[in-house]
Amino acid sequence: MKRVLIAAGMAFAMFQATANAAVDEEWAKSGAKEHGCLNCHAIDKKKMGPAWQDVGAKYNGKTAADLAASIKGKPIHAKPTKDMPAKEVEQMAEWILTLAK
């Protein structure tokens, strides 16, 4: 029992460290591909949706939480973000904000 508790504690500590780490560009690109974001968006050019550089510029000075709320609030994003944890959407938003020109 003691080993289980120690292992659970270590797993929780590792998860917390990962959750608090800065957003990883490769993780964000992978998530964007996985959730279908790249079907409508690109980093530097307009597709069906705006370029993420333009989104980052539009939300310059706002928080990742502001951008995440906007993303989740748009009906067109309802399906792709339906199963995404709110924290994951916010981490993607943090990455998008770094792309502003």
PDB file of N, CA and C in Angstrom:
ATOM      1  N   MET A   1       0.825  -1.186   0.000  1.00  0.00           N
ATOM      2  CA  MET A   1       0.000   0.000   0.000  1.00  0.00           C
ATOM      3  C   MET A   1       0.875   1.257   0.000  1.00  0.00           C
ATOM      4  N   LYS A   2       1.932   1.227   0.796  1.00  0.00           N
ATOM      5  CA  LYS A   2       2.809   2.386   0.875  1.00  0.00           C
ATOM      6  C   LYS A   2       3.459   2.672  -0.479  1.00  0.00           C
ATOM      7  N   ARG A   3       3.833   1.617  -1.217  1.00  0.00           N
ATOM      8  CA  ARG A   3       4.445   1.784  -2.533  1.00  0.00           C
ATOM      9  C   ARG A   3       3.459   2.408  -3.515  1.00  0.00           C
ATOM     10  N   VAL A   4       2.209   2.001  -3.423  1.00  0.00           N
ATOM     11  CA  VAL A   4       1.179   2.549  -4.307  1.00  0.00           C
ATOM     12  C   VAL A   4       1.020   4.046  -4.054  1.00  0.00           C
ATOM     13  N   LEU A   5       0.977   4.425  -2.780  1.00  0.00           N
ATOM     14  CA  LEU A   5       0.831   5.840  -2.451  1.00  0.00           C
ATOM     15  C   LEU A   5       2.039   6.654  -2.915  1.00  0.00           C
ATOM     16  N   ILE A   6       3.220   6.104  -2.757  1.00  0.00           N
ATOM     17  CA  ILE A   6       4.427   6.793  -3.208  1.00  0.00           C
ATOM     18  C   ILE A   6       4.410   6.946  -4.724  1.00  0.00           C
ATOM     19  N   ALA A   7       4.064   5.873  -5.429  1.00  0.00           N
ATOM     20  CA  ALA A   7       4.003   5.926  -6.892  1.00  0.00           C
ATOM     21  C   ALA A   7       2.951   6.928  -7.352  1.00  0.00           C
ATOM     22  N   ALA A   8       1.795   6.938  -6.698  1.00  0.00           N
ATOM     23  CA  ALA A   8       0.738   7.889  -7.057  1.00  0.00           C
ATOM     24  C   ALA A   8       1.200   9.325  -6.814  1.00  0.00           C
ATOM     25  N   GLY A   9       1.881   9.542  -5.713  1.00  0.00           N
ATOM     26  CA  GLY A   9       2.402  10.872  -5.411  1.00  0.00           C
ATOM     27  C   GLY A   9       3.421  11.335  -6.438  1.00  0.00           C
ATOM     28  N   MET A  10       4.305  10.436  -6.852  1.00  0.00           N
ATOM     29  CA  MET A  10       5.306  10.776  -7.855  1.00  0.00           C
ATOM     30  C   MET A  10       4.638  11.071  -9.194  1.00  0.00           C
ATOM     31  N   ALA A  11       3.644  10.283  -9.568  1.00  0.00           N
ATOM     32  CA  ALA A  11       2.928  10.510 -10.824  1.00  0.00           C
ATOM     33  C   ALA A  11       2.234  11.870 -10.799  1.00  0.00           C
ATOM     34  N   PHE A  12       1.606  12.202  -9.674  1.00  0.00           N
ATOM     35  CA  PHE A  12       0.932  13.491  -9.538  1.00  0.00           C
ATOM     36  C   PHE A  12       1.936  14.634  -9.659  1.00  0.00           C
ATOM     37  N   ALA A  13       3.084  14.507  -9.021  1.00  0.00           N
ATOM     38  CA  ALA A  13       4.109  15.551  -9.076  1.00  0.00           C
ATOM     39  C   ALA A  13       4.610  15.739 -10.506  1.00  0.00           C
ATOM     40  N   MET A  14       4.801  14.648 -11.227  1.00  0.00           N
ATOM     41  CA  MET A  14       5.253  14.733 -12.616  1.00  0.00           C
ATOM     42  C   MET A  14       4.183  15.400 -13.470  1.00  0.00           C
ATOM     43  N   PHE A  15       2.911  15.047 -13.246  1.00  0.00           N
ATOM     44  CA  PHE A  15       1.816  15.649 -13.993  1.00  0.00           C
ATOM     45  C   PHE A  15       1.764  17.151 -13.741  1.00  0.00           C
ATOM     46  N   GLN A  16       1.897  17.566 -12.493  1.00  0.00           N
ATOM     47  CA  GLN A  16       1.849  18.983 -12.147  1.00  0.00           C
ATOM     48  C   GLN A  16       2.994  19.741 -12.819  1.00  0.00           C
ATOM     49  N   ALA A  17       4.173  19.162 -12.829  1.00  0.00           N
ATOM     50  CA  ALA A  17       5.311  19.823 -13.459  1.00  0.00           C
ATOM     51  C   ALA A  17       5.051  19.993 -14.949  1.00  0.00           C
ATOM     52  N   THR A  18       4.478  18.975 -15.580  1.00  0.00           N
ATOM     53  CA  THR A  18       4.161  19.052 -16.999  1.00  0.00           C
ATOM     54  C   THR A  18       3.067  20.078 -17.243  1.00  0.00           C
ATOM     55  N   ALA A  19       2.055  20.096 -16.407  1.00  0.00           N
ATOM     56  CA  ALA A  19       0.934  21.022 -16.582  1.00  0.00           C
ATOM     57  C   ALA A  19       1.374  22.470 -16.434  1.00  0.00           C
ATOM     58  N   ASN A  20       2.377  22.726 -15.620  1.00  0.00           N
ATOM     59  CA  ASN A  20       2.826  24.099 -15.392  1.00  0.00           C
ATOM     60  C   ASN A  20       3.942  24.532 -16.328  1.00  0.00           C
ATOM     61  N   ALA A  21       4.447  23.627 -17.140  1.00  0.00           N
ATOM     62  CA  ALA A  21       5.540  23.955 -18.043  1.00  0.00           C
ATOM     63  C   ALA A  21       5.047  24.878 -19.166  1.00  0.00           C
ATOM     64  N   ALA A  22       5.963  25.617 -19.750  1.00  0.00           N
ATOM     65  CA  ALA A  22       5.623  26.484 -20.872  1.00  0.00           C
ATOM     66  C   ALA A  22       5.111  25.625 -22.035  1.00  0.00           C
ATOM     67  N   VAL A  23       4.285  26.220 -22.861  1.00  0.00           N
ATOM     68  CA  VAL A  23       3.716  25.493 -23.988  1.00  0.00           C
ATOM     69  C   VAL A  23       4.818  25.129 -24.962  1.00  0.00           C
ATOM     70  N   ASP A  24       4.803  23.911 -25.385  1.00  0.00           N
ATOM     71  CA  ASP A  24       5.762  23.362 -26.322  1.00  0.00           C
ATOM     72  C   ASP A  24       5.209  23.509 -27.742  1.00  0.00           C
ATOM     73  N   GLU A  25       5.976  24.121 -28.622  1.00  0.00           N
ATOM     74  CA  GLU A  25       5.526  24.351 -29.993  1.00  0.00           C
ATOM     75  C   GLU A  25       5.172  23.047 -30.698  1.00  0.00           C
ATOM     76  N   GLU A  26       5.993  22.022 -30.522  1.00  0.00           N
ATOM     77  CA  GLU A  26       5.717  20.737 -31.175  1.00  0.00           C
ATOM     78  C   GLU A  26       4.417  20.131 -30.643  1.00  0.00           C
ATOM     79  N   TRP A  27       4.198  20.250 -29.324  1.00  0.00           N
ATOM     80  CA  TRP A  27       2.950  19.756 -28.737  1.00  0.00           C
ATOM     81  C   TRP A  27       1.768  20.500 -29.347  1.00  0.00           C
ATOM     82  N   ALA A  28       1.885  21.823 -29.470  1.00  0.00           N
ATOM     83  CA  ALA A  28       0.788  22.635 -29.996  1.00  0.00           C
ATOM     84  C   ALA A  28       0.493  22.266 -31.451  1.00  0.00           C
ATOM     85  N   LYS A  29       1.532  22.108 -32.253  1.00  0.00           N
ATOM     86  CA  LYS A  29       1.332  21.725 -33.659  1.00  0.00           C
ATOM     87  C   LYS A  29       0.695  20.347 -33.752  1.00  0.00           C
ATOM     88  N   SER A  30       1.152  19.426 -32.914  1.00  0.00           N
ATOM     89  CA  SER A  30       0.595  18.077 -32.902  1.00  0.00           C
ATOM     90  C   SER A  30      -0.881  18.104 -32.502  1.00  0.00           C
ATOM     91  N   GLY A  31      -1.202  18.882 -31.469  1.00  0.00           N
ATOM     92  CA  GLY A  31      -2.591  19.011 -31.030  1.00  0.00           C
ATOM     93  C   GLY A  31      -3.460  19.652 -32.088  1.00  0.00           C
ATOM     94  N   ALA A  32      -2.923  20.660 -32.771  1.00  0.00           N
ATOM     95  CA  ALA A  32      -3.674  21.329 -33.836  1.00  0.00           C
ATOM     96  C   ALA A  32      -4.001  20.345 -34.955  1.00  0.00           C
ATOM     97  N   LYS A  33      -3.043  19.501 -35.271  1.00  0.00           N
ATOM     98  CA  LYS A  33      -3.276  18.495 -36.311  1.00  0.00           C
ATOM     99  C   LYS A  33      -4.301  17.466 -35.830  1.00  0.00           C
ATOM    100  N   GLU A  34      -4.129  16.987 -34.616  1.00  0.00           N
ATOM    101  CA  GLU A  34      -5.007  15.964 -34.051  1.00  0.00           C
ATOM    102  C   GLU A  34      -6.460  16.417 -33.982  1.00  0.00           C
ATOM    103  N   HIS A  35      -6.679  17.676 -33.628  1.00  0.00           N
ATOM    104  CA  HIS A  35      -8.043  18.178 -33.454  1.00  0.00           C
ATOM    105  C   HIS A  35      -8.627  18.797 -34.718  1.00  0.00           C
ATOM    106  N   GLY A  36      -7.881  18.760 -35.825  1.00  0.00           N
ATOM    107  CA  GLY A  36      -8.396  19.248 -37.096  1.00  0.00           C
ATOM    108  C   GLY A  36      -8.283  20.750 -37.299  1.00  0.00           C
ATOM    109  N   CYS A  37      -7.563  21.433 -36.436  1.00  0.00           N
ATOM    110  CA  CYS A  37      -7.431  22.891 -36.551  1.00  0.00           C
ATOM    111  C   CYS A  37      -6.762  23.289 -37.870  1.00  0.00           C
ATOM    112  N   LEU A  38      -5.828  22.446 -38.325  1.00  0.00           N
ATOM    113  CA  LEU A  38      -5.076  22.766 -39.539  1.00  0.00           C
ATOM    114  C   LEU A  38      -5.926  22.648 -40.801  1.00  0.00           C
ATOM    115  N   ASN A  39      -7.120  22.104 -40.679  1.00  0.00           N
ATOM    116  CA  ASN A  39      -8.022  22.063 -41.834  1.00  0.00           C
ATOM    117  C   ASN A  39      -8.466  23.471 -42.216  1.00  0.00           C
ATOM    118  N   CYS A  40      -8.554  24.349 -41.242  1.00  0.00           N
ATOM    119  CA  CYS A  40      -9.061  25.711 -41.478  1.00  0.00           C
ATOM    120  C   CYS A  40      -8.036  26.803 -41.210  1.00  0.00           C
ATOM    121  N   HIS A  41      -6.986  26.502 -40.467  1.00  0.00           N
ATOM    122  CA  HIS A  41      -6.005  27.515 -40.069  1.00  0.00           C
ATOM    123  C   HIS A  41      -4.595  27.113 -40.474  1.00  0.00           C
ATOM    124  N   ALA A  42      -3.765  28.115 -40.695  1.00  0.00           N
ATOM    125  CA  ALA A  42      -2.329  27.939 -40.881  1.00  0.00           C
ATOM    126  C   ALA A  42      -1.646  28.992 -40.014  1.00  0.00           C
ATOM    127  N   ILE A  43      -0.386  28.810 -39.788  1.00  0.00           N
ATOM    128  CA  ILE A  43       0.338  29.750 -38.942  1.00  0.00           C
ATOM    129  C   ILE A  43       0.438  31.121 -39.596  1.00  0.00           C
ATOM    130  N   ASP A  44       0.825  31.143 -40.863  1.00  0.00           N
ATOM    131  CA  ASP A  44       1.166  32.415 -41.488  1.00  0.00           C
ATOM    132  C   ASP A  44       0.320  32.818 -42.687  1.00  0.00           C
ATOM    133  N   LYS A  45      -0.746  32.074 -42.973  1.00  0.00           N
ATOM    134  CA  LYS A  45      -1.604  32.475 -44.096  1.00  0.00           C
ATOM    135  C   LYS A  45      -3.056  32.131 -43.796  1.00  0.00           C
ATOM    136  N   LYS A  46      -3.941  32.919 -44.379  1.00  0.00           N
ATOM    137  CA  LYS A  46      -5.366  32.708 -44.201  1.00  0.00           C
ATOM    138  C   LYS A  46      -5.787  31.492 -45.032  1.00  0.00           C
ATOM    139  N   LYS A  47      -6.548  30.633 -44.417  1.00  0.00           N
ATOM    140  CA  LYS A  47      -7.180  29.529 -45.125  1.00  0.00           C
ATOM    141  C   LYS A  47      -8.674  29.805 -45.001  1.00  0.00           C
ATOM    142  N   MET A  48      -9.451  28.850 -44.580  1.00  0.00           N
ATOM    143  CA  MET A  48     -10.862  29.104 -44.307  1.00  0.00           C
ATOM    144  C   MET A  48     -10.986  30.040 -43.100  1.00  0.00           C
ATOM    145  N   GLY A  49     -10.111  29.820 -42.123  1.00  0.00           N
ATOM    146  CA  GLY A  49     -10.054  30.671 -40.940  1.00  0.00           C
ATOM    147  C   GLY A  49      -8.834  31.567 -41.014  1.00  0.00           C
ATOM    148  N   PRO A  50      -8.715  32.498 -40.104  1.00  0.00           N
ATOM    149  CA  PRO A  50      -7.574  33.428 -40.134  1.00  0.00           C
ATOM    150  C   PRO A  50      -6.258  32.732 -39.779  1.00  0.00           C
ATOM    151  N   ALA A  51      -5.169  33.338 -40.252  1.00  0.00           N
ATOM    152  CA  ALA A  51      -3.837  32.856 -39.884  1.00  0.00           C
ATOM    153  C   ALA A  51      -3.655  33.059 -38.387  1.00  0.00           C
ATOM    154  N   TRP A  52      -2.991  32.122 -37.738  1.00  0.00           N
ATOM    155  CA  TRP A  52      -2.792  32.242 -36.299  1.00  0.00           C
ATOM    156  C   TRP A  52      -1.932  33.447 -35.947  1.00  0.00           C
ATOM    157  N   GLN A  53      -1.041  33.860 -36.843  1.00  0.00           N
ATOM    158  CA  GLN A  53      -0.263  35.073 -36.578  1.00  0.00           C
ATOM    159  C   GLN A  53      -1.211  36.271 -36.459  1.00  0.00           C
ATOM    160  N   ASP A  54      -2.229  36.304 -37.311  1.00  0.00           N
ATOM    161  CA  ASP A  54      -3.201  37.399 -37.265  1.00  0.00           C
ATOM    162  C   ASP A  54      -4.062  37.324 -36.005  1.00  0.00           C
ATOM    163  N   VAL A  55      -4.406  36.114 -35.605  1.00  0.00           N
ATOM    164  CA  VAL A  55      -5.187  35.935 -34.372  1.00  0.00           C
ATOM    165  C   VAL A  55      -4.360  36.404 -33.178  1.00  0.00           C
ATOM    166  N   GLY A  56      -3.089  36.006 -33.162  1.00  0.00           N
ATOM    167  CA  GLY A  56      -2.206  36.431 -32.082  1.00  0.00           C
ATOM    168  C   GLY A  56      -2.089  37.943 -32.008  1.00  0.00           C
ATOM    169  N   ALA A  57      -2.006  38.592 -33.183  1.00  0.00           N
ATOM    170  CA  ALA A  57      -1.923  40.053 -33.224  1.00  0.00           C
ATOM    171  C   ALA A  57      -3.230  40.682 -32.734  1.00  0.00           C
ATOM    172  N   LYS A  58      -4.353  40.101 -33.130  1.00  0.00           N
ATOM    173  CA  LYS A  58      -5.655  40.634 -32.716  1.00  0.00           C
ATOM    174  C   LYS A  58      -5.826  40.571 -31.199  1.00  0.00           C
ATOM    175  N   TYR A  59      -5.312  39.510 -30.594  1.00  0.00           N
ATOM    176  CA  TYR A  59      -5.456  39.318 -29.149  1.00  0.00           C
ATOM    177  C   TYR A  59      -4.234  39.799 -28.373  1.00  0.00           C
ATOM    178  N   ASN A  60      -3.342  40.522 -29.020  1.00  0.00           N
ATOM    179  CA  ASN A  60      -2.162  41.066 -28.352  1.00  0.00           C
ATOM    180  C   ASN A  60      -2.592  41.889 -27.137  1.00  0.00           C
ATOM    181  N   GLY A  61      -2.005  41.612 -25.992  1.00  0.00           N
ATOM    182  CA  GLY A  61      -2.350  42.317 -24.767  1.00  0.00           C
ATOM    183  C   GLY A  61      -3.460  41.639 -23.974  1.00  0.00           C
ATOM    184  N   LYS A  62      -4.076  40.632 -24.558  1.00  0.00           N
ATOM    185  CA  LYS A  62      -5.109  39.872 -23.850  1.00  0.00           C
ATOM    186  C   LYS A  62      -4.471  38.585 -23.325  1.00  0.00           C
ATOM    187  N   THR A  63      -5.185  37.892 -22.485  1.00  0.00           N
ATOM    188  CA  THR A  63      -4.652  36.664 -21.900  1.00  0.00           C
ATOM    189  C   THR A  63      -5.005  35.455 -22.760  1.00  0.00           C
ATOM    190  N   ALA A  64      -4.302  34.379 -22.508  1.00  0.00           N
ATOM    191  CA  ALA A  64      -4.613  33.117 -23.185  1.00  0.00           C
ATOM    192  C   ALA A  64      -6.028  32.674 -22.816  1.00  0.00           C
ATOM    193  N   ALA A  65      -6.451  32.969 -21.605  1.00  0.00           N
ATOM    194  CA  ALA A  65      -7.815  32.622 -21.194  1.00  0.00           C
ATOM    195  C   ALA A  65      -8.846  33.378 -22.029  1.00  0.00           C
ATOM    196  N   ASP A  66      -8.557  34.642 -22.358  1.00  0.00           N
ATOM    197  CA  ASP A  66      -9.454  35.422 -23.217  1.00  0.00           C
ATOM    198  C   ASP A  66      -9.574  34.777 -24.593  1.00  0.00           C
ATOM    199  N   LEU A  67      -8.437  34.429 -25.181  1.00  0.00           N
ATOM    200  CA  LEU A  67      -8.439  33.809 -26.502  1.00  0.00           C
ATOM    201  C   LEU A  67      -9.102  32.439 -26.453  1.00  0.00           C
ATOM    202  N   ALA A  68      -8.810  31.655 -25.423  1.00  0.00           N
ATOM    203  CA  ALA A  68      -9.426  30.328 -25.291  1.00  0.00           C
ATOM    204  C   ALA A  68     -10.944  30.439 -25.196  1.00  0.00           C
ATOM    205  N   ALA A  69     -11.438  31.418 -24.452  1.00  0.00           N
ATOM    206  CA  ALA A  69     -12.884  31.620 -24.332  1.00  0.00           C
ATOM    207  C   ALA A  69     -13.485  31.981 -25.686  1.00  0.00           C
ATOM    208  N   SER A  70     -12.768  32.794 -26.449  1.00  0.00           N
ATOM    209  CA  SER A  70     -13.243  33.165 -27.775  1.00  0.00           C
ATOM    210  C   SER A  70     -13.282  31.946 -28.696  1.00  0.00           C
ATOM    211  N   ILE A  71     -12.238  31.130 -28.631  1.00  0.00           N
ATOM    212  CA  ILE A  71     -12.180  29.919 -29.460  1.00  0.00           C
ATOM    213  C   ILE A  71     -13.352  29.009 -29.123  1.00  0.00           C
ATOM    214  N   LYS A  72     -13.523  28.714 -27.845  1.00  0.00           N
ATOM    215  CA  LYS A  72     -14.595  27.799 -27.420  1.00  0.00           C
ATOM    216  C   LYS A  72     -15.981  28.390 -27.651  1.00  0.00           C
ATOM    217  N   GLY A  73     -16.081  29.718 -27.709  1.00  0.00           N
ATOM    218  CA  GLY A  73     -17.369  30.372 -27.866  1.00  0.00           C
ATOM    219  C   GLY A  73     -17.875  30.443 -29.300  1.00  0.00           C
ATOM    220  N   LYS A  74     -17.018  30.141 -30.254  1.00  0.00           N
ATOM    221  CA  LYS A  74     -17.435  30.207 -31.650  1.00  0.00           C
ATOM    222  C   LYS A  74     -18.100  28.879 -32.056  1.00  0.00           C
ATOM    223  N   PRO A  75     -19.309  28.947 -32.609  1.00  0.00           N
ATOM    224  CA  PRO A  75     -20.017  27.710 -32.995  1.00  0.00           C
ATOM    225  C   PRO A  75     -19.209  26.812 -33.933  1.00  0.00           C
ATOM    226  N   ILE A  76     -18.416  27.412 -34.815  1.00  0.00           N
ATOM    227  CA  ILE A  76     -17.634  26.610 -35.756  1.00  0.00           C
ATOM    228  C   ILE A  76     -16.571  25.769 -35.047  1.00  0.00           C
ATOM    229  N   HIS A  77     -16.186  26.185 -33.848  1.00  0.00           N
ATOM    230  CA  HIS A  77     -15.189  25.439 -33.074  1.00  0.00           C
ATOM    231  C   HIS A  77     -15.820  24.436 -32.109  1.00  0.00           C
ATOM    232  N   ALA A  78     -17.136  24.357 -32.078  1.00  0.00           N
ATOM    233  CA  ALA A  78     -17.822  23.491 -31.105  1.00  0.00           C
ATOM    234  C   ALA A  78     -17.394  22.030 -31.235  1.00  0.00           C
ATOM    235  N   LYS A  79     -17.385  21.514 -32.433  1.00  0.00           N
ATOM    236  CA  LYS A  79     -17.037  20.103 -32.620  1.00  0.00           C
ATOM    237  C   LYS A  79     -15.550  19.829 -32.334  1.00  0.00           C
ATOM    238  N   PRO A  80     -14.622  20.614 -32.901  1.00  0.00           N
ATOM    239  CA  PRO A  80     -13.208  20.316 -32.649  1.00  0.00           C
ATOM    240  C   PRO A  80     -12.793  20.474 -31.187  1.00  0.00           C
ATOM    241  N   THR A  81     -13.437  21.381 -30.447  1.00  0.00           N
ATOM    242  CA  THR A  81     -13.017  21.614 -29.065  1.00  0.00           C
ATOM    243  C   THR A  81     -13.889  20.888 -28.044  1.00  0.00           C
ATOM    244  N   LYS A  82     -14.896  20.189 -28.521  1.00  0.00           N
ATOM    245  CA  LYS A  82     -15.855  19.526 -27.621  1.00  0.00           C
ATOM    246  C   LYS A  82     -15.170  18.624 -26.594  1.00  0.00           C
ATOM    247  N   ASP A  83     -14.239  17.822 -27.033  1.00  0.00           N
ATOM    248  CA  ASP A  83     -13.588  16.867 -26.137  1.00  0.00           C
ATOM    249  C   ASP A  83     -12.236  17.350 -25.607  1.00  0.00           C
ATOM    250  N   MET A  84     -11.871  18.585 -25.923  1.00  0.00           N
ATOM    251  CA  MET A  84     -10.599  19.117 -25.438  1.00  0.00           C
ATOM    252  C   MET A  84     -10.782  19.689 -24.037  1.00  0.00           C
ATOM    253  N   PRO A  85      -9.927  19.315 -23.106  1.00  0.00           N
ATOM    254  CA  PRO A  85      -9.991  19.945 -21.781  1.00  0.00           C
ATOM    255  C   PRO A  85      -9.749  21.447 -21.915  1.00  0.00           C
ATOM    256  N   ALA A  86     -10.393  22.234 -21.082  1.00  0.00           N
ATOM    257  CA  ALA A  86     -10.261  23.693 -21.133  1.00  0.00           C
ATOM    258  C   ALA A  86      -8.798  24.116 -21.026  1.00  0.00           C
ATOM    259  N   LYS A  87      -8.029  23.430 -20.189  1.00  0.00           N
ATOM    260  CA  LYS A  87      -6.615  23.767 -20.009  1.00  0.00           C
ATOM    261  C   LYS A  87      -5.841  23.566 -21.315  1.00  0.00           C
ATOM    262  N   GLU A  88      -6.200  22.546 -22.082  1.00  0.00           N
ATOM    263  CA  GLU A  88      -5.525  22.282 -23.347  1.00  0.00           C
ATOM    264  C   GLU A  88      -5.839  23.390 -24.360  1.00  0.00           C
ATOM    265  N   VAL A  89      -7.084  23.835 -24.402  1.00  0.00           N
ATOM    266  CA  VAL A  89      -7.455  24.939 -25.302  1.00  0.00           C
ATOM    267  C   VAL A  89      -6.675  26.189 -24.900  1.00  0.00           C
ATOM    268  N   GLU A  90      -6.541  26.421 -23.611  1.00  0.00           N
ATOM    269  CA  GLU A  90      -5.809  27.594 -23.137  1.00  0.00           C
ATOM    270  C   GLU A  90      -4.322  27.492 -23.481  1.00  0.00           C
ATOM    271  N   GLN A  91      -3.748  26.303 -23.410  1.00  0.00           N
ATOM    272  CA  GLN A  91      -2.342  26.132 -23.771  1.00  0.00           C
ATOM    273  C   GLN A  91      -2.146  26.375 -25.269  1.00  0.00           C
ATOM    274  N   MET A  92      -3.104  25.939 -26.080  1.00  0.00           N
ATOM    275  CA  MET A  92      -3.037  26.212 -27.521  1.00  0.00           C
ATOM    276  C   MET A  92      -3.120  27.720 -27.750  1.00  0.00           C
ATOM    277  N   ALA A  93      -3.996  28.386 -27.007  1.00  0.00           N
ATOM    278  CA  ALA A  93      -4.149  29.834 -27.126  1.00  0.00           C
ATOM    279  C   ALA A  93      -2.847  30.535 -26.741  1.00  0.00           C
ATOM    280  N   GLU A  94      -2.181  30.065 -25.703  1.00  0.00           N
ATOM    281  CA  GLU A  94      -0.885  30.639 -25.305  1.00  0.00           C
ATOM    282  C   GLU A  94       0.097  30.569 -26.463  1.00  0.00           C
ATOM    283  N   TRP A  95       0.127  29.429 -27.125  1.00  0.00           N
ATOM    284  CA  TRP A  95       1.039  29.249 -28.261  1.00  0.00           C
ATOM    285  C   TRP A  95       0.664  30.203 -29.389  1.00  0.00           C
ATOM    286  N   ILE A  96      -0.626  30.309 -29.702  1.00  0.00           N
ATOM    287  CA  ILE A  96      -1.065  31.205 -30.773  1.00  0.00           C
ATOM    288  C   ILE A  96      -0.650  32.644 -30.471  1.00  0.00           C
ATOM    289  N   LEU A  97      -0.749  33.043 -29.216  1.00  0.00           N
ATOM    290  CA  LEU A  97      -0.350  34.405 -28.847  1.00  0.00           C
ATOM    291  C   LEU A  97       1.129  34.665 -29.095  1.00  0.00           C
ATOM    292  N   THR A  98       1.951  33.623 -29.048  1.00  0.00           N
ATOM    293  CA  THR A  98       3.385  33.813 -29.307  1.00  0.00           C
ATOM    294  C   THR A  98       3.686  34.026 -30.788  1.00  0.00           C
ATOM    295  N   LEU A  99       2.700  33.763 -31.646  1.00  0.00           N
ATOM    296  CA  LEU A  99       2.914  33.846 -33.088  1.00  0.00           C
ATOM    297  C   LEU A  99       2.655  35.237 -33.669  1.00  0.00           C
ATOM    298  N   ALA A 100       2.125  36.151 -32.862  1.00  0.00           N
ATOM    299  CA  ALA A 100       1.767  37.486 -33.337  1.00  0.00           C
ATOM    300  C   ALA A 100       2.955  38.170 -34.009  1.00  0.00           C
ATOM    301  N   LYS A 101       2.688  38.784 -35.131  1.00  0.00           N
ATOM    302  CA  LYS A 101       3.735  39.535 -35.843  1.00  0.00           C
ATOM    303  C   LYS A 101       3.805  40.937 -35.327  1.00  0.00           C
TER     304      LYS A 101
END
